[in-house]
């Protein structure tokens, strides 16, 4: 399992559009990806679960990547986060 932190930069936080992009990205990965925000966590592959975390701009989230391809999936996810959320 690999984990890393990311500070959300999107002005609206993880509202519908960026959350949808994140879920679509996560669904394309073979690894399991979880998002932790405070005391809550959710699968990054489920839109309503991600939106239910209530993540706002400036929040620090932890992303956990686990699976056979966790190293390449994690590197792609880091790049995605920097560009998109």
N, C-alpha and C. Protein backbone atom coordinates (compact mmCIF):
# COMPACT_ATOMS: atom_id res chain seq x y z
N UNK A 1 0.85 -1.18 0.00
CA UNK A 1 0.00 0.00 0.00
C UNK A 1 0.90 1.24 0.00
N UNK A 2 0.52 2.20 -0.81
CA UNK A 2 1.22 3.48 -0.88
C UNK A 2 0.21 4.56 -0.53
N UNK A 3 0.66 5.58 0.18
CA UNK A 3 -0.23 6.69 0.48
C UNK A 3 0.51 8.00 0.30
N UNK A 4 -0.25 9.04 -0.03
CA UNK A 4 0.31 10.38 -0.11
C UNK A 4 -0.78 11.39 0.20
N UNK A 5 -0.34 12.57 0.61
CA UNK A 5 -1.26 13.66 0.93
C UNK A 5 -1.33 14.63 -0.24
N UNK A 6 -2.49 15.26 -0.38
CA UNK A 6 -2.69 16.27 -1.41
C UNK A 6 -3.56 17.37 -0.82
N UNK A 7 -3.20 18.62 -1.07
CA UNK A 7 -4.02 19.76 -0.65
C UNK A 7 -4.89 20.15 -1.84
N UNK A 8 -6.19 20.14 -1.65
CA UNK A 8 -7.15 20.43 -2.72
C UNK A 8 -7.05 21.90 -3.10
N UNK A 9 -6.83 22.16 -4.39
CA UNK A 9 -6.65 23.52 -4.89
C UNK A 9 -7.86 24.05 -5.64
N UNK A 10 -8.75 23.17 -6.09
CA UNK A 10 -9.91 23.62 -6.85
C UNK A 10 -10.73 24.59 -6.01
N UNK A 11 -11.07 25.75 -6.56
CA UNK A 11 -11.81 26.77 -5.79
C UNK A 11 -13.11 26.27 -5.17
N UNK A 12 -13.73 25.29 -5.80
CA UNK A 12 -15.00 24.75 -5.30
C UNK A 12 -14.82 23.49 -4.47
N UNK A 13 -13.58 23.04 -4.29
CA UNK A 13 -13.36 21.77 -3.59
C UNK A 13 -13.69 20.61 -4.50
N UNK A 14 -14.03 19.47 -3.93
CA UNK A 14 -14.39 18.31 -4.75
C UNK A 14 -15.90 18.29 -4.98
N UNK A 15 -16.37 19.28 -5.75
CA UNK A 15 -17.77 19.30 -6.13
C UNK A 15 -17.98 18.34 -7.31
N UNK A 16 -19.12 18.34 -7.93
CA UNK A 16 -19.49 17.31 -8.91
C UNK A 16 -18.49 17.12 -10.04
N UNK A 17 -18.06 18.20 -10.70
CA UNK A 17 -17.20 18.03 -11.87
C UNK A 17 -15.82 17.44 -11.51
N UNK A 18 -15.05 18.03 -10.58
CA UNK A 18 -13.76 17.42 -10.28
C UNK A 18 -13.89 16.06 -9.60
N UNK A 19 -14.93 15.86 -8.81
CA UNK A 19 -15.15 14.55 -8.19
C UNK A 19 -15.42 13.51 -9.28
N UNK A 20 -16.20 13.88 -10.28
CA UNK A 20 -16.48 12.97 -11.40
C UNK A 20 -15.22 12.61 -12.17
N UNK A 21 -14.35 13.60 -12.39
CA UNK A 21 -13.09 13.33 -13.08
C UNK A 21 -12.22 12.38 -12.25
N UNK A 22 -12.17 12.60 -10.95
CA UNK A 22 -11.38 11.75 -10.07
C UNK A 22 -11.91 10.32 -10.08
N UNK A 23 -13.20 10.16 -10.00
CA UNK A 23 -13.82 8.83 -9.99
C UNK A 23 -13.54 8.11 -11.32
N UNK A 24 -13.69 8.83 -12.42
CA UNK A 24 -13.43 8.23 -13.73
C UNK A 24 -11.97 7.79 -13.83
N UNK A 25 -11.05 8.62 -13.33
CA UNK A 25 -9.64 8.27 -13.32
C UNK A 25 -9.41 7.02 -12.46
N UNK A 26 -9.97 7.02 -11.26
CA UNK A 26 -9.77 5.90 -10.33
C UNK A 26 -10.34 4.60 -10.89
N UNK A 27 -11.47 4.68 -11.57
CA UNK A 27 -12.08 3.48 -12.14
C UNK A 27 -11.22 2.87 -13.24
N UNK A 28 -10.38 3.68 -13.88
CA UNK A 28 -9.49 3.18 -14.93
C UNK A 28 -8.25 2.48 -14.35
N UNK A 29 -8.02 2.65 -13.06
CA UNK A 29 -6.87 2.02 -12.40
C UNK A 29 -7.26 0.64 -11.88
N UNK A 30 -6.32 -0.29 -11.91
CA UNK A 30 -6.61 -1.62 -11.39
C UNK A 30 -6.48 -1.67 -9.86
N UNK A 31 -5.75 -0.72 -9.29
CA UNK A 31 -5.56 -0.68 -7.83
C UNK A 31 -6.82 -0.14 -7.15
N UNK A 32 -6.97 -0.51 -5.89
CA UNK A 32 -8.02 0.08 -5.07
C UNK A 32 -7.50 1.43 -4.58
N UNK A 33 -8.33 2.45 -4.65
CA UNK A 33 -7.93 3.80 -4.23
C UNK A 33 -8.96 4.30 -3.23
N UNK A 34 -8.47 4.72 -2.07
CA UNK A 34 -9.34 5.27 -1.03
C UNK A 34 -8.90 6.69 -0.72
N UNK A 35 -9.88 7.52 -0.37
CA UNK A 35 -9.62 8.90 0.02
C UNK A 35 -9.97 9.03 1.50
N UNK A 36 -9.05 9.61 2.26
CA UNK A 36 -9.30 9.90 3.67
C UNK A 36 -9.33 11.41 3.86
N UNK A 37 -10.35 11.87 4.54
CA UNK A 37 -10.50 13.29 4.83
C UNK A 37 -11.01 13.40 6.27
N UNK A 38 -10.15 13.82 7.16
CA UNK A 38 -10.52 13.86 8.58
C UNK A 38 -10.81 12.46 9.07
N UNK A 39 -11.96 12.27 9.65
CA UNK A 39 -12.36 10.95 10.18
C UNK A 39 -13.07 10.09 9.14
N UNK A 40 -13.34 10.66 7.95
CA UNK A 40 -14.10 9.95 6.93
C UNK A 40 -13.19 9.35 5.88
N UNK A 41 -13.66 8.28 5.25
CA UNK A 41 -12.95 7.71 4.11
C UNK A 41 -13.97 7.17 3.11
N UNK A 42 -13.52 7.06 1.86
CA UNK A 42 -14.41 6.58 0.81
C UNK A 42 -13.59 5.99 -0.32
N UNK A 43 -14.22 5.09 -1.06
CA UNK A 43 -13.61 4.57 -2.28
C UNK A 43 -13.61 5.68 -3.31
N UNK A 44 -12.47 5.87 -3.97
CA UNK A 44 -12.37 6.90 -5.01
C UNK A 44 -13.08 6.48 -6.28
N UNK A 45 -13.62 5.27 -6.30
CA UNK A 45 -14.30 4.77 -7.49
C UNK A 45 -15.82 4.95 -7.41
N UNK A 46 -16.30 5.61 -6.35
CA UNK A 46 -17.74 5.80 -6.15
C UNK A 46 -18.04 7.29 -5.99
N UNK A 47 -18.74 7.86 -6.96
CA UNK A 47 -18.98 9.30 -7.01
C UNK A 47 -19.67 9.84 -5.76
N UNK A 48 -20.78 9.24 -5.36
CA UNK A 48 -21.51 9.77 -4.21
C UNK A 48 -20.72 9.65 -2.92
N UNK A 49 -19.89 8.62 -2.82
CA UNK A 49 -19.04 8.47 -1.64
C UNK A 49 -18.01 9.58 -1.59
N UNK A 50 -17.39 9.90 -2.73
CA UNK A 50 -16.40 10.98 -2.79
C UNK A 50 -17.05 12.32 -2.46
N UNK A 51 -18.19 12.60 -3.07
CA UNK A 51 -18.87 13.87 -2.82
C UNK A 51 -19.35 13.95 -1.36
N UNK A 52 -19.68 12.81 -0.77
CA UNK A 52 -20.15 12.78 0.61
C UNK A 52 -19.08 13.16 1.62
N UNK A 53 -17.82 13.17 1.20
CA UNK A 53 -16.74 13.56 2.12
C UNK A 53 -16.74 15.06 2.40
N UNK A 54 -17.39 15.84 1.53
CA UNK A 54 -17.49 17.29 1.75
C UNK A 54 -16.14 18.00 1.71
N UNK A 55 -15.30 17.64 0.79
CA UNK A 55 -13.94 18.19 0.72
C UNK A 55 -13.97 19.58 0.09
N UNK A 56 -13.35 20.52 0.77
CA UNK A 56 -13.32 21.92 0.33
C UNK A 56 -11.90 22.32 -0.06
N UNK A 57 -11.80 23.48 -0.73
CA UNK A 57 -10.48 24.00 -1.10
C UNK A 57 -9.63 24.19 0.15
N UNK A 58 -8.38 23.79 0.08
CA UNK A 58 -7.47 23.92 1.20
C UNK A 58 -7.44 22.71 2.12
N UNK A 59 -8.40 21.80 1.97
CA UNK A 59 -8.41 20.58 2.77
C UNK A 59 -7.27 19.66 2.33
N UNK A 60 -6.64 19.01 3.28
CA UNK A 60 -5.63 18.01 2.97
C UNK A 60 -6.29 16.65 2.99
N UNK A 61 -6.16 15.94 1.88
CA UNK A 61 -6.70 14.59 1.79
C UNK A 61 -5.54 13.61 1.69
N UNK A 62 -5.77 12.39 2.16
CA UNK A 62 -4.79 11.32 2.03
C UNK A 62 -5.36 10.31 1.06
N UNK A 63 -4.55 9.94 0.08
CA UNK A 63 -4.97 8.94 -0.90
C UNK A 63 -4.18 7.67 -0.67
N UNK A 64 -4.89 6.56 -0.55
CA UNK A 64 -4.29 5.24 -0.35
C UNK A 64 -4.46 4.43 -1.62
N UNK A 65 -3.36 3.89 -2.12
CA UNK A 65 -3.38 3.10 -3.35
C UNK A 65 -2.85 1.71 -3.02
N UNK A 66 -3.65 0.70 -3.32
CA UNK A 66 -3.24 -0.67 -3.00
C UNK A 66 -3.63 -1.61 -4.13
N UNK A 67 -2.68 -2.43 -4.54
CA UNK A 67 -2.96 -3.40 -5.58
C UNK A 67 -1.70 -3.80 -6.32
N UNK A 68 -1.88 -4.66 -7.28
CA UNK A 68 -0.76 -5.19 -8.04
C UNK A 68 0.00 -4.10 -8.78
N UNK A 69 -0.70 -3.09 -9.26
CA UNK A 69 -0.08 -1.99 -10.01
C UNK A 69 -0.03 -0.70 -9.20
N UNK A 70 0.12 -0.81 -7.89
CA UNK A 70 0.02 0.38 -7.05
C UNK A 70 1.09 1.43 -7.35
N UNK A 71 2.30 1.03 -7.70
CA UNK A 71 3.34 2.02 -7.98
C UNK A 71 3.02 2.89 -9.19
N UNK A 72 2.76 2.30 -10.36
CA UNK A 72 2.41 3.16 -11.50
C UNK A 72 1.09 3.89 -11.32
N UNK A 73 0.10 3.23 -10.70
CA UNK A 73 -1.19 3.90 -10.46
C UNK A 73 -1.01 5.10 -9.54
N UNK A 74 -0.17 4.95 -8.52
CA UNK A 74 0.07 6.05 -7.57
C UNK A 74 0.74 7.23 -8.27
N UNK A 75 1.72 6.96 -9.10
CA UNK A 75 2.41 8.05 -9.81
C UNK A 75 1.45 8.79 -10.73
N UNK A 76 0.60 8.04 -11.44
CA UNK A 76 -0.40 8.67 -12.32
C UNK A 76 -1.41 9.47 -11.51
N UNK A 77 -1.80 8.94 -10.35
CA UNK A 77 -2.77 9.62 -9.49
C UNK A 77 -2.19 10.92 -8.93
N UNK A 78 -0.91 10.90 -8.54
CA UNK A 78 -0.26 12.13 -8.05
C UNK A 78 -0.29 13.21 -9.14
N UNK A 79 0.06 12.82 -10.36
CA UNK A 79 0.05 13.78 -11.48
C UNK A 79 -1.36 14.30 -11.72
N UNK A 80 -2.35 13.40 -11.68
CA UNK A 80 -3.73 13.81 -11.87
C UNK A 80 -4.17 14.83 -10.83
N UNK A 81 -3.84 14.55 -9.57
CA UNK A 81 -4.23 15.45 -8.48
C UNK A 81 -3.63 16.84 -8.66
N UNK A 82 -2.36 16.90 -9.02
CA UNK A 82 -1.69 18.20 -9.21
C UNK A 82 -2.35 19.00 -10.33
N UNK A 83 -2.78 18.33 -11.38
CA UNK A 83 -3.37 19.00 -12.54
C UNK A 83 -4.85 19.31 -12.37
N UNK A 84 -5.57 18.47 -11.66
CA UNK A 84 -7.04 18.53 -11.72
C UNK A 84 -7.76 18.91 -10.43
N UNK A 85 -7.17 18.63 -9.28
CA UNK A 85 -7.89 18.95 -8.05
C UNK A 85 -6.98 19.67 -7.10
